[in-house]
Amino acid sequence: MGHAQSADEPGAAGDGTARPVPGDSKTVLEQAEIGRALTRITHEIIERTRGAQQVVLLGIPTRGVPLAGRLAAGLQRVEGHHIPHGSLDITMYRDDLRLRPARTLGRTQVPPDGIDGKIVVLVDDVLYSGRTVRAALDALNDLGRPRAVQLAVLVDRGHRELPIRPDYVGKNLPTSQHEFVRVLLTEVDGQDAVLLGVAGGGAGRAQ
């Protein structure tokens, strides 16, 4: 796998700032449901990684970063040990870089111990075509050699263009390609919600 929607989403703002909520969208996940989804992902990570001892969480800007922070906090509460987390900017690795307007570079922040030999869990808000995740894998390759790479997303809306499958999913949300999914998070937007609506005529094909 940001902006008021994922980097994979139509009409996404490149600077990660909050955007107005469309009046014709409907709420498909509210704050409590998002919290439960993240709690479930937390316990699934613990089970699959045997206590999250070697886990590093890297959020894909924009909204993957606060999600990674929330998951790290949840893992720490349950397991009682620090969970390193950071961010992974993919801007310069996107395969549509020449086709889209200039984007503001995000921040890559890797924990001091790095990622070599670790289980890296990439975190994003929405999984769509899979191209954002492909770019993240390329960016990760320049940072080190993890033992394994996993993917956690809050929403999987389908319509994959690449053979990429998430390991942890908060909600599978069937959509049409004419719809948008917009994730709002308190850290960026002042509220938690997942919205579904019909994309406007100016929205291009998401990557």
N, C-alpha and C. Protein backbone atom coordinates (compact mmCIF):
# COMPACT_ATOMS: atom_id res chain seq x y z
N MET A 1 0.19 -0.47 0.00
CA MET A 1 0.00 0.00 0.00
C MET A 1 0.33 0.83 0.00
N GLY A 2 -1.75 7.62 1.00
CA GLY A 2 -2.36 8.38 2.06
C GLY A 2 -2.79 9.78 1.66
N HIS A 3 -3.05 10.82 2.65
CA HIS A 3 -4.02 11.74 2.07
C HIS A 3 -5.31 11.34 2.73
N ALA A 4 -6.42 11.84 2.41
CA ALA A 4 -7.62 11.33 3.06
C ALA A 4 -7.97 9.95 2.55
N GLN A 5 -7.29 9.47 1.51
CA GLN A 5 -7.41 8.10 1.10
C GLN A 5 -6.01 7.53 0.93
N SER A 6 -5.94 6.26 0.57
CA SER A 6 -4.65 5.64 0.37
C SER A 6 -3.96 6.21 -0.84
N ALA A 7 -2.64 5.98 -0.94
CA ALA A 7 -1.91 6.37 -2.14
C ALA A 7 -2.42 5.62 -3.36
N ASP A 8 -3.11 4.52 -3.15
CA ASP A 8 -3.69 3.77 -4.25
C ASP A 8 -5.04 4.33 -4.68
N GLU A 9 -5.56 5.34 -4.00
CA GLU A 9 -6.93 5.75 -4.21
C GLU A 9 -7.08 6.90 -5.18
N PRO A 10 -8.20 6.96 -5.95
CA PRO A 10 -8.47 8.07 -6.83
C PRO A 10 -8.58 9.37 -6.05
N GLY A 11 -8.01 10.43 -6.60
CA GLY A 11 -8.17 11.74 -6.01
C GLY A 11 -7.38 11.93 -4.74
N ALA A 12 -6.38 11.10 -4.48
CA ALA A 12 -5.63 11.20 -3.25
C ALA A 12 -4.72 12.41 -3.25
N ALA A 13 -4.67 13.11 -2.15
CA ALA A 13 -3.81 14.27 -2.03
C ALA A 13 -2.39 13.83 -1.75
N GLY A 14 -1.41 14.38 -2.48
CA GLY A 14 -0.05 13.92 -2.37
C GLY A 14 0.66 14.37 -1.12
N ASP A 15 0.16 15.39 -0.43
CA ASP A 15 0.89 15.90 0.73
C ASP A 15 0.42 15.30 2.03
N GLY A 16 -0.58 14.41 1.98
CA GLY A 16 -1.02 13.73 3.19
C GLY A 16 -1.90 14.56 4.10
N THR A 17 -2.35 15.71 3.65
CA THR A 17 -3.19 16.55 4.50
C THR A 17 -4.63 16.06 4.46
N ALA A 18 -5.39 16.45 5.48
CA ALA A 18 -6.79 16.06 5.54
C ALA A 18 -7.56 16.74 4.41
N ARG A 19 -8.56 16.03 3.88
CA ARG A 19 -9.39 16.57 2.81
C ARG A 19 -10.84 16.59 3.25
N PRO A 20 -11.65 17.45 2.64
CA PRO A 20 -13.07 17.49 3.01
C PRO A 20 -13.74 16.14 2.75
N VAL A 21 -14.69 15.81 3.59
CA VAL A 21 -15.42 14.56 3.44
C VAL A 21 -16.57 14.76 2.45
N PRO A 22 -16.63 13.97 1.37
CA PRO A 22 -17.70 14.14 0.40
C PRO A 22 -19.06 13.88 1.03
N GLY A 23 -20.04 14.69 0.64
CA GLY A 23 -21.36 14.57 1.23
C GLY A 23 -22.09 13.31 0.81
N ASP A 24 -21.71 12.71 -0.35
CA ASP A 24 -22.44 11.54 -0.84
C ASP A 24 -21.77 10.23 -0.43
N SER A 25 -20.76 10.28 0.45
CA SER A 25 -20.12 9.05 0.90
C SER A 25 -20.85 8.49 2.11
N LYS A 26 -20.66 7.20 2.34
CA LYS A 26 -21.27 6.55 3.50
C LYS A 26 -20.17 5.94 4.36
N THR A 27 -20.42 5.88 5.64
CA THR A 27 -19.45 5.32 6.58
C THR A 27 -19.59 3.81 6.62
N VAL A 28 -18.50 3.11 6.32
CA VAL A 28 -18.53 1.64 6.36
C VAL A 28 -17.80 1.10 7.58
N LEU A 29 -16.93 1.90 8.20
CA LEU A 29 -16.31 1.54 9.47
C LEU A 29 -16.28 2.78 10.35
N GLU A 30 -16.75 2.62 11.58
CA GLU A 30 -16.68 3.71 12.55
C GLU A 30 -15.49 3.50 13.49
N GLN A 31 -15.30 4.44 14.40
CA GLN A 31 -14.13 4.41 15.27
C GLN A 31 -13.99 3.10 16.04
N ALA A 32 -15.08 2.65 16.65
CA ALA A 32 -15.02 1.42 17.44
C ALA A 32 -14.68 0.22 16.57
N GLU A 33 -15.22 0.18 15.36
CA GLU A 33 -14.95 -0.94 14.46
C GLU A 33 -13.50 -0.94 13.99
N ILE A 34 -12.94 0.25 13.75
CA ILE A 34 -11.52 0.35 13.39
C ILE A 34 -10.66 -0.15 14.55
N GLY A 35 -11.03 0.23 15.76
CA GLY A 35 -10.30 -0.23 16.93
C GLY A 35 -10.32 -1.73 17.07
N ARG A 36 -11.49 -2.34 16.84
CA ARG A 36 -11.58 -3.80 16.94
C ARG A 36 -10.77 -4.48 15.84
N ALA A 37 -10.78 -3.90 14.65
CA ALA A 37 -10.02 -4.47 13.54
C ALA A 37 -8.52 -4.45 13.85
N LEU A 38 -8.04 -3.36 14.41
CA LEU A 38 -6.62 -3.26 14.74
C LEU A 38 -6.25 -4.19 15.89
N THR A 39 -7.17 -4.36 16.84
CA THR A 39 -6.92 -5.32 17.92
C THR A 39 -6.80 -6.73 17.38
N ARG A 40 -7.66 -7.08 16.45
CA ARG A 40 -7.60 -8.42 15.85
C ARG A 40 -6.30 -8.61 15.09
N ILE A 41 -5.89 -7.61 14.30
CA ILE A 41 -4.63 -7.71 13.58
C ILE A 41 -3.46 -7.86 14.55
N THR A 42 -3.51 -7.12 15.66
CA THR A 42 -2.46 -7.22 16.68
C THR A 42 -2.29 -8.66 17.15
N HIS A 43 -3.39 -9.31 17.48
CA HIS A 43 -3.31 -10.68 17.98
C HIS A 43 -2.90 -11.66 16.87
N GLU A 44 -3.29 -11.39 15.64
CA GLU A 44 -2.87 -12.25 14.54
C GLU A 44 -1.36 -12.14 14.30
N ILE A 45 -0.82 -10.92 14.43
CA ILE A 45 0.63 -10.74 14.29
C ILE A 45 1.36 -11.52 15.38
N ILE A 46 0.87 -11.43 16.61
CA ILE A 46 1.49 -12.15 17.72
C ILE A 46 1.50 -13.65 17.46
N GLU A 47 0.37 -14.16 16.99
CA GLU A 47 0.27 -15.60 16.75
C GLU A 47 1.19 -16.04 15.62
N ARG A 48 1.23 -15.29 14.53
CA ARG A 48 2.01 -15.72 13.36
C ARG A 48 3.50 -15.51 13.55
N THR A 49 3.89 -14.57 14.42
CA THR A 49 5.32 -14.27 14.60
C THR A 49 5.84 -14.76 15.95
N ARG A 50 5.03 -15.55 16.66
CA ARG A 50 5.43 -16.16 17.93
C ARG A 50 5.88 -15.12 18.95
N GLY A 51 5.01 -14.16 19.19
CA GLY A 51 5.26 -13.18 20.23
C GLY A 51 5.86 -11.87 19.75
N ALA A 52 5.99 -11.72 18.43
CA ALA A 52 6.46 -10.45 17.84
C ALA A 52 7.85 -10.06 18.31
N GLN A 53 8.69 -11.06 18.64
CA GLN A 53 10.01 -10.77 19.17
C GLN A 53 10.92 -10.07 18.15
N GLN A 54 10.80 -10.43 16.89
CA GLN A 54 11.67 -9.88 15.86
C GLN A 54 10.91 -9.01 14.86
N VAL A 55 9.77 -8.48 15.28
CA VAL A 55 8.92 -7.72 14.37
C VAL A 55 9.33 -6.25 14.33
N VAL A 56 9.36 -5.70 13.13
CA VAL A 56 9.51 -4.26 12.91
C VAL A 56 8.34 -3.82 12.04
N LEU A 57 7.61 -2.80 12.47
CA LEU A 57 6.47 -2.27 11.72
C LEU A 57 6.90 -1.02 10.97
N LEU A 58 6.65 -0.99 9.67
CA LEU A 58 6.95 0.19 8.86
C LEU A 58 5.67 0.64 8.14
N GLY A 59 5.20 1.84 8.49
CA GLY A 59 4.01 2.38 7.86
C GLY A 59 4.33 3.09 6.57
N ILE A 60 3.45 2.94 5.58
CA ILE A 60 3.58 3.63 4.31
C ILE A 60 2.82 4.95 4.42
N PRO A 61 3.52 6.09 4.27
CA PRO A 61 2.83 7.38 4.41
C PRO A 61 1.68 7.50 3.42
N THR A 62 0.56 8.12 3.76
CA THR A 62 0.51 8.89 4.99
C THR A 62 -0.12 8.10 6.12
N ARG A 63 -1.25 7.50 5.88
CA ARG A 63 -2.02 6.93 6.99
C ARG A 63 -1.53 5.57 7.47
N GLY A 64 -0.64 4.96 6.72
CA GLY A 64 -0.02 3.75 7.22
C GLY A 64 0.88 4.00 8.42
N VAL A 65 1.39 5.22 8.53
CA VAL A 65 2.32 5.53 9.63
C VAL A 65 1.61 5.54 10.98
N PRO A 66 0.51 6.29 11.15
CA PRO A 66 -0.19 6.20 12.45
C PRO A 66 -0.77 4.82 12.72
N LEU A 67 -1.18 4.11 11.67
CA LEU A 67 -1.67 2.75 11.89
C LEU A 67 -0.55 1.85 12.42
N ALA A 68 0.66 2.00 11.89
CA ALA A 68 1.79 1.23 12.40
C ALA A 68 2.06 1.57 13.87
N GLY A 69 1.94 2.86 14.21
CA GLY A 69 2.12 3.26 15.60
C GLY A 69 1.09 2.65 16.52
N ARG A 70 -0.16 2.59 16.06
CA ARG A 70 -1.21 1.98 16.90
C ARG A 70 -0.98 0.49 17.08
N LEU A 71 -0.59 -0.18 16.00
CA LEU A 71 -0.33 -1.62 16.11
C LEU A 71 0.86 -1.89 17.03
N ALA A 72 1.90 -1.07 16.92
CA ALA A 72 3.06 -1.23 17.80
C ALA A 72 2.67 -1.07 19.26
N ALA A 73 1.84 -0.07 19.54
CA ALA A 73 1.38 0.15 20.91
C ALA A 73 0.56 -1.03 21.40
N GLY A 74 -0.28 -1.57 20.54
CA GLY A 74 -1.09 -2.73 20.92
C GLY A 74 -0.25 -3.96 21.18
N LEU A 75 0.75 -4.19 20.33
CA LEU A 75 1.65 -5.33 20.53
C LEU A 75 2.41 -5.20 21.84
N GLN A 76 2.85 -3.98 22.13
CA GLN A 76 3.61 -3.75 23.36
C GLN A 76 2.74 -3.98 24.59
N ARG A 77 1.48 -3.56 24.53
CA ARG A 77 0.57 -3.76 25.67
C ARG A 77 0.38 -5.25 25.96
N VAL A 78 0.26 -6.04 24.91
CA VAL A 78 -0.01 -7.47 25.10
C VAL A 78 1.25 -8.23 25.47
N GLU A 79 2.35 -7.95 24.77
CA GLU A 79 3.57 -8.75 24.93
C GLU A 79 4.53 -8.18 25.97
N GLY A 80 4.40 -6.89 26.29
CA GLY A 80 5.21 -6.32 27.34
C GLY A 80 6.63 -5.95 26.95
N HIS A 81 6.92 -5.93 25.65
CA HIS A 81 8.24 -5.49 25.22
C HIS A 81 8.11 -4.49 24.07
N HIS A 82 9.13 -3.67 23.90
CA HIS A 82 9.11 -2.61 22.89
C HIS A 82 9.02 -3.20 21.48
N ILE A 83 8.18 -2.60 20.67
CA ILE A 83 8.04 -3.00 19.27
C ILE A 83 8.53 -1.85 18.39
N PRO A 84 9.68 -2.01 17.72
CA PRO A 84 10.18 -0.92 16.89
C PRO A 84 9.28 -0.66 15.69
N HIS A 85 9.08 0.61 15.39
CA HIS A 85 8.25 0.95 14.23
C HIS A 85 8.76 2.25 13.62
N GLY A 86 8.40 2.45 12.37
CA GLY A 86 8.84 3.65 11.66
C GLY A 86 8.01 3.85 10.41
N SER A 87 8.61 4.50 9.41
CA SER A 87 7.89 4.81 8.18
C SER A 87 8.77 4.52 6.98
N LEU A 88 8.12 4.25 5.86
CA LEU A 88 8.82 3.90 4.62
C LEU A 88 8.21 4.70 3.47
N ASP A 89 8.92 5.73 3.03
CA ASP A 89 8.42 6.54 1.92
C ASP A 89 8.70 5.83 0.59
N ILE A 90 7.69 5.78 -0.27
CA ILE A 90 7.82 5.04 -1.53
C ILE A 90 7.75 5.95 -2.74
N THR A 91 7.75 7.25 -2.53
CA THR A 91 7.49 8.20 -3.61
C THR A 91 8.37 7.96 -4.83
N MET A 92 9.67 7.82 -4.62
CA MET A 92 10.60 7.71 -5.75
C MET A 92 10.63 6.31 -6.35
N TYR A 93 9.85 5.40 -5.79
CA TYR A 93 9.83 4.02 -6.30
C TYR A 93 8.53 3.70 -7.05
N ARG A 94 7.62 4.66 -7.12
CA ARG A 94 6.34 4.41 -7.77
C ARG A 94 6.52 4.28 -9.28
N ASP A 95 5.78 3.36 -9.90
CA ASP A 95 5.93 3.17 -11.34
C ASP A 95 5.12 4.18 -12.15
N ASP A 96 4.36 5.04 -11.46
CA ASP A 96 3.60 6.09 -12.16
C ASP A 96 4.21 7.47 -11.90
N LEU A 97 5.46 7.51 -11.49
CA LEU A 97 6.08 8.77 -11.08
C LEU A 97 6.06 9.80 -12.20
N ARG A 98 6.25 9.35 -13.43
CA ARG A 98 6.28 10.28 -14.56
C ARG A 98 4.89 10.72 -15.00
N LEU A 99 3.87 9.99 -14.56
CA LEU A 99 2.51 10.24 -15.05
C LEU A 99 1.70 11.13 -14.13
N ARG A 100 2.18 11.32 -12.88
CA ARG A 100 1.41 12.08 -11.91
C ARG A 100 2.10 13.38 -11.56
N PRO A 101 1.37 14.36 -11.04
CA PRO A 101 1.99 15.62 -10.62
C PRO A 101 3.05 15.37 -9.56
N ALA A 102 3.94 16.35 -9.40
CA ALA A 102 5.01 16.23 -8.41
C ALA A 102 4.42 15.99 -7.03
N ARG A 103 5.03 15.09 -6.29
CA ARG A 103 4.57 14.73 -4.95
C ARG A 103 5.58 15.20 -3.92
N THR A 104 5.08 15.53 -2.76
CA THR A 104 5.96 15.87 -1.66
C THR A 104 6.60 14.59 -1.12
N LEU A 105 7.92 14.60 -0.97
CA LEU A 105 8.59 13.42 -0.44
C LEU A 105 8.19 13.20 1.01
N GLY A 106 7.87 11.97 1.34
CA GLY A 106 7.56 11.62 2.71
C GLY A 106 8.83 11.31 3.47
N ARG A 107 8.69 10.73 4.62
CA ARG A 107 9.82 10.44 5.50
C ARG A 107 10.01 8.95 5.65
N THR A 108 11.25 8.51 5.47
CA THR A 108 11.60 7.14 5.80
C THR A 108 12.35 7.16 7.12
N GLN A 109 11.81 6.46 8.09
CA GLN A 109 12.42 6.40 9.42
C GLN A 109 12.49 4.95 9.86
N VAL A 110 13.71 4.42 9.86
CA VAL A 110 13.93 3.02 10.22
C VAL A 110 14.46 2.96 11.64
N PRO A 111 13.95 2.06 12.48
CA PRO A 111 14.46 1.93 13.84
C PRO A 111 15.97 1.72 13.87
N PRO A 112 16.62 2.13 14.97
CA PRO A 112 18.10 2.09 15.05
C PRO A 112 18.70 0.73 14.75
N ASP A 113 18.03 -0.36 15.13
CA ASP A 113 18.58 -1.69 14.90
C ASP A 113 18.39 -2.18 13.47
N GLY A 114 17.75 -1.36 12.63
CA GLY A 114 17.58 -1.72 11.22
C GLY A 114 16.57 -2.82 11.00
N ILE A 115 16.64 -3.42 9.79
CA ILE A 115 15.67 -4.44 9.42
C ILE A 115 16.32 -5.77 9.07
N ASP A 116 17.64 -5.84 9.04
CA ASP A 116 18.31 -7.09 8.68
C ASP A 116 17.94 -8.20 9.65
N GLY A 117 17.47 -9.31 9.08
CA GLY A 117 17.11 -10.47 9.90
C GLY A 117 15.81 -10.33 10.65
N LYS A 118 15.09 -9.25 10.45
CA LYS A 118 13.83 -9.01 11.17
C LYS A 118 12.62 -9.46 10.33
N ILE A 119 11.49 -9.55 10.99
CA ILE A 119 10.21 -9.73 10.29
C ILE A 119 9.60 -8.35 10.12
N VAL A 120 9.64 -7.83 8.92
CA VAL A 120 9.12 -6.49 8.65
C VAL A 120 7.65 -6.60 8.25
N VAL A 121 6.80 -5.90 8.97
CA VAL A 121 5.39 -5.82 8.61
C VAL A 121 5.13 -4.45 8.02
N LEU A 122 4.86 -4.40 6.72
CA LEU A 122 4.46 -3.16 6.07
C LEU A 122 3.01 -2.88 6.42
N VAL A 123 2.70 -1.62 6.70
CA VAL A 123 1.35 -1.25 7.13
C VAL A 123 0.82 -0.15 6.23
N ASP A 124 -0.38 -0.34 5.69
CA ASP A 124 -1.01 0.69 4.87
C ASP A 124 -2.50 0.73 5.19
N ASP A 125 -3.15 1.81 4.75
CA ASP A 125 -4.57 1.94 5.07
C ASP A 125 -5.45 1.16 4.10
N VAL A 126 -5.22 1.29 2.79
CA VAL A 126 -6.06 0.63 1.80
C VAL A 126 -5.18 -0.12 0.81
N LEU A 127 -5.53 -1.36 0.53
CA LEU A 127 -4.89 -2.13 -0.53
C LEU A 127 -5.83 -2.19 -1.72
N TYR A 128 -5.30 -1.79 -2.88
CA TYR A 128 -6.12 -1.73 -4.09
C TYR A 128 -5.40 -2.48 -5.19
N SER A 129 -4.70 -1.79 -6.08
CA SER A 129 -4.05 -2.44 -7.21
C SER A 129 -2.84 -3.26 -6.80
N GLY A 130 -2.20 -2.87 -5.71
CA GLY A 130 -0.98 -3.53 -5.27
C GLY A 130 0.29 -2.82 -5.68
N ARG A 131 0.16 -1.75 -6.46
CA ARG A 131 1.36 -1.06 -6.96
C ARG A 131 2.08 -0.29 -5.86
N THR A 132 1.35 0.21 -4.89
CA THR A 132 2.00 0.89 -3.76
C THR A 132 2.85 -0.11 -2.98
N VAL A 133 2.34 -1.30 -2.77
CA VAL A 133 3.09 -2.31 -2.04
C VAL A 133 4.31 -2.76 -2.83
N ARG A 134 4.17 -2.90 -4.15
CA ARG A 134 5.33 -3.25 -4.97
C ARG A 134 6.42 -2.20 -4.82
N ALA A 135 6.03 -0.92 -4.83
CA ALA A 135 7.01 0.15 -4.64
C ALA A 135 7.64 0.07 -3.25
N ALA A 136 6.85 -0.29 -2.25
CA ALA A 136 7.38 -0.42 -0.89
C ALA A 136 8.41 -1.54 -0.81
N LEU A 137 8.16 -2.63 -1.50
CA LEU A 137 9.14 -3.72 -1.51
C LEU A 137 10.44 -3.30 -2.15
N ASP A 138 10.35 -2.51 -3.22
CA ASP A 138 11.57 -1.99 -3.85
C ASP A 138 12.32 -1.06 -2.91
N ALA A 139 11.58 -0.19 -2.22
CA ALA A 139 12.22 0.73 -1.27
C ALA A 139 12.86 -0.04 -0.12
N LEU A 140 12.18 -1.07 0.34
CA LEU A 140 12.69 -1.88 1.45
C LEU A 140 13.99 -2.57 1.06
N ASN A 141 14.08 -3.00 -0.19
CA ASN A 141 15.27 -3.70 -0.67
C ASN A 141 16.52 -2.83 -0.57
N ASP A 142 16.35 -1.52 -0.63
CA ASP A 142 17.48 -0.60 -0.52
C ASP A 142 17.90 -0.34 0.92
N LEU A 143 17.10 -0.80 1.87
CA LEU A 143 17.38 -0.53 3.28
C LEU A 143 18.04 -1.69 4.00
N GLY A 144 17.89 -2.90 3.47
CA GLY A 144 18.46 -4.05 4.16
C GLY A 144 17.83 -5.34 3.69
N ARG A 145 18.11 -6.39 4.43
CA ARG A 145 17.62 -7.73 4.06
C ARG A 145 16.85 -8.33 5.23
N PRO A 146 15.55 -8.11 5.27
CA PRO A 146 14.75 -8.70 6.35
C PRO A 146 14.63 -10.21 6.19
N ARG A 147 14.34 -10.88 7.30
CA ARG A 147 14.12 -12.33 7.24
C ARG A 147 12.82 -12.66 6.51
N ALA A 148 11.82 -11.83 6.71
CA ALA A 148 10.53 -12.01 6.05
C ALA A 148 9.83 -10.65 5.97
N VAL A 149 8.96 -10.52 4.99
CA VAL A 149 8.17 -9.30 4.85
C VAL A 149 6.70 -9.70 4.81
N GLN A 150 5.90 -9.04 5.65
CA GLN A 150 4.47 -9.27 5.69
C GLN A 150 3.73 -7.96 5.46
N LEU A 151 2.45 -8.05 5.17
CA LEU A 151 1.65 -6.87 4.84
C LEU A 151 0.39 -6.84 5.69
N ALA A 152 0.17 -5.69 6.34
CA ALA A 152 -1.07 -5.47 7.10
C ALA A 152 -1.78 -4.25 6.54
N VAL A 153 -3.07 -4.39 6.26
CA VAL A 153 -3.86 -3.28 5.74
C VAL A 153 -5.16 -3.17 6.52
N LEU A 154 -5.63 -1.95 6.69
CA LEU A 154 -6.91 -1.77 7.35
C LEU A 154 -8.06 -2.22 6.46
N VAL A 155 -7.97 -1.88 5.16
CA VAL A 155 -9.03 -2.22 4.20
C VAL A 155 -8.43 -2.85 2.95
N ASP A 156 -8.97 -3.97 2.53
CA ASP A 156 -8.65 -4.56 1.23
C ASP A 156 -9.89 -4.42 0.36
N ARG A 157 -9.77 -3.58 -0.68
CA ARG A 157 -10.93 -3.31 -1.53
C ARG A 157 -10.92 -4.09 -2.84
N GLY A 158 -9.91 -4.97 -3.03
CA GLY A 158 -9.88 -5.79 -4.24
C GLY A 158 -9.30 -5.06 -5.44
N HIS A 159 -9.53 -5.63 -6.63
CA HIS A 159 -9.09 -5.07 -7.92
C HIS A 159 -7.57 -5.07 -8.05
N ARG A 160 -6.93 -6.17 -7.64
CA ARG A 160 -5.48 -6.24 -7.73
C ARG A 160 -5.01 -6.29 -9.17
N GLU A 161 -3.91 -5.61 -9.44
CA GLU A 161 -3.25 -5.65 -10.75
C GLU A 161 -1.94 -6.41 -10.68
N LEU A 162 -1.48 -6.71 -9.47
CA LEU A 162 -0.24 -7.44 -9.25
C LEU A 162 -0.51 -8.57 -8.27
N PRO A 163 0.30 -9.64 -8.31
CA PRO A 163 0.06 -10.79 -7.42
C PRO A 163 0.52 -10.52 -5.99
N ILE A 164 -0.21 -9.65 -5.33
CA ILE A 164 0.12 -9.24 -3.95
C ILE A 164 -1.09 -9.53 -3.07
N ARG A 165 -0.81 -10.17 -1.94
CA ARG A 165 -1.89 -10.56 -1.03
C ARG A 165 -1.50 -10.16 0.40
N PRO A 166 -2.40 -9.52 1.14
CA PRO A 166 -2.08 -9.12 2.50
C PRO A 166 -2.06 -10.30 3.47
N ASP A 167 -1.23 -10.20 4.49
CA ASP A 167 -1.19 -11.21 5.54
C ASP A 167 -2.22 -10.93 6.63
N TYR A 168 -2.51 -9.65 6.84
CA TYR A 168 -3.44 -9.21 7.89
C TYR A 168 -4.38 -8.17 7.30
N VAL A 169 -5.68 -8.36 7.48
CA VAL A 169 -6.69 -7.45 6.90
C VAL A 169 -7.70 -7.07 7.97
N GLY A 170 -7.92 -5.77 8.11
CA GLY A 170 -8.95 -5.32 9.03
C GLY A 170 -10.34 -5.58 8.51
N LYS A 171 -10.55 -5.27 7.21
CA LYS A 171 -11.87 -5.50 6.60
C LYS A 171 -11.70 -5.70 5.10
N ASN A 172 -12.30 -6.77 4.60
CA ASN A 172 -12.42 -6.95 3.15
C ASN A 172 -13.67 -6.22 2.69
N LEU A 173 -13.49 -5.27 1.77
CA LEU A 173 -14.59 -4.39 1.36
C LEU A 173 -14.78 -4.48 -0.15
N PRO A 174 -15.76 -5.25 -0.61
CA PRO A 174 -16.00 -5.32 -2.06
C PRO A 174 -16.39 -3.95 -2.61
N THR A 175 -15.77 -3.55 -3.70
CA THR A 175 -16.04 -2.25 -4.30
C THR A 175 -16.05 -2.38 -5.82
N SER A 176 -16.58 -1.37 -6.47
CA SER A 176 -16.40 -1.24 -7.91
C SER A 176 -15.26 -0.27 -8.17
N GLN A 177 -14.73 -0.27 -9.37
CA GLN A 177 -13.64 0.63 -9.70
C GLN A 177 -14.13 2.08 -9.84
N HIS A 178 -15.44 2.28 -9.80
CA HIS A 178 -15.99 3.63 -9.86
C HIS A 178 -16.18 4.23 -8.47
N GLU A 179 -15.85 3.45 -7.45
CA GLU A 179 -16.00 3.92 -6.07
C GLU A 179 -14.65 4.28 -5.48
N PHE A 180 -14.65 5.11 -4.46
CA PHE A 180 -13.44 5.39 -3.70
C PHE A 180 -13.62 4.90 -2.27
N VAL A 181 -12.50 4.58 -1.64
CA VAL A 181 -12.47 4.26 -0.22
C VAL A 181 -11.57 5.30 0.43
N ARG A 182 -12.09 5.97 1.42
CA ARG A 182 -11.32 7.02 2.10
C ARG A 182 -11.21 6.67 3.58
N VAL A 183 -9.97 6.57 4.03
CA VAL A 183 -9.70 6.29 5.44
C VAL A 183 -9.39 7.60 6.15
N LEU A 184 -10.08 7.84 7.24
CA LEU A 184 -9.82 9.00 8.09
C LEU A 184 -9.27 8.51 9.42
N LEU A 185 -8.19 9.13 9.87
CA LEU A 185 -7.59 8.77 11.14
C LEU A 185 -7.41 10.01 12.00
N THR A 186 -7.61 9.84 13.29
CA THR A 186 -7.55 10.98 14.21
C THR A 186 -6.23 11.73 14.10
N GLU A 187 -5.14 11.02 13.95
CA GLU A 187 -3.82 11.65 13.91
C GLU A 187 -3.67 12.60 12.73
N VAL A 188 -4.40 12.37 11.66
CA VAL A 188 -4.28 13.19 10.45
C VAL A 188 -5.54 14.02 10.20
N ASP A 189 -6.70 13.41 10.42
CA ASP A 189 -7.97 13.99 10.02
C ASP A 189 -8.86 14.45 11.17
N GLY A 190 -8.47 14.13 12.40
CA GLY A 190 -9.28 14.52 13.54
C GLY A 190 -10.41 13.57 13.87
N GLN A 191 -10.54 12.47 13.13
CA GLN A 191 -11.57 11.47 13.41
C GLN A 191 -11.16 10.14 12.79
N ASP A 192 -11.76 9.07 13.29
CA ASP A 192 -11.56 7.73 12.74
C ASP A 192 -12.81 7.31 11.97
N ALA A 193 -12.63 6.94 10.71
CA ALA A 193 -13.75 6.43 9.92
C ALA A 193 -13.20 5.88 8.61
N VAL A 194 -13.95 4.98 8.01
CA VAL A 194 -13.69 4.54 6.64
C VAL A 194 -14.94 4.84 5.84
N LEU A 195 -14.77 5.59 4.75
CA LEU A 195 -15.88 6.04 3.93
C LEU A 195 -15.84 5.38 2.57
N LEU A 196 -17.02 5.16 2.00
CA LEU A 196 -17.15 4.62 0.67
C LEU A 196 -18.06 5.53 -0.13
N GLY A 197 -17.66 5.87 -1.34
CA GLY A 197 -18.48 6.73 -2.18
C GLY A 197 -18.13 6.53 -3.64
N VAL A 198 -18.82 7.27 -4.50
CA VAL A 198 -18.59 7.19 -5.95
C VAL A 198 -17.58 8.24 -6.34
N ALA A 199 -16.54 7.81 -7.04
CA ALA A 199 -15.49 8.74 -7.46
C ALA A 199 -16.03 9.74 -8.46
N GLY A 200 -15.54 10.99 -8.38
CA GLY A 200 -15.95 12.01 -9.31
C GLY A 200 -15.36 11.78 -10.69
N GLY A 201 -15.81 12.54 -11.62
CA GLY A 201 -15.36 12.38 -12.99
C GLY A 201 -13.90 12.66 -13.18
N GLY A 202 -13.29 13.44 -12.29
CA GLY A 202 -11.89 13.79 -12.46
C GLY A 202 -10.93 12.78 -11.86
N ALA A 203 -11.45 11.77 -11.18
CA ALA A 203 -10.57 10.82 -10.54
C ALA A 203 -10.02 9.83 -11.57
N GLY A 204 -8.71 9.68 -11.58
CA GLY A 204 -8.09 8.76 -12.52
C GLY A 204 -8.03 7.36 -11.96
N ARG A 205 -7.53 6.45 -12.79
CA ARG A 205 -7.36 5.07 -12.36
C ARG A 205 -6.32 5.00 -11.26
N ALA A 206 -6.68 4.37 -10.19
CA ALA A 206 -5.76 4.31 -9.05
C ALA A 206 -4.63 3.35 -9.35
N GLN A 207 -3.50 3.61 -8.71
CA GLN A 207 -2.35 2.72 -8.82
C GLN A 207 -2.04 2.09 -7.49
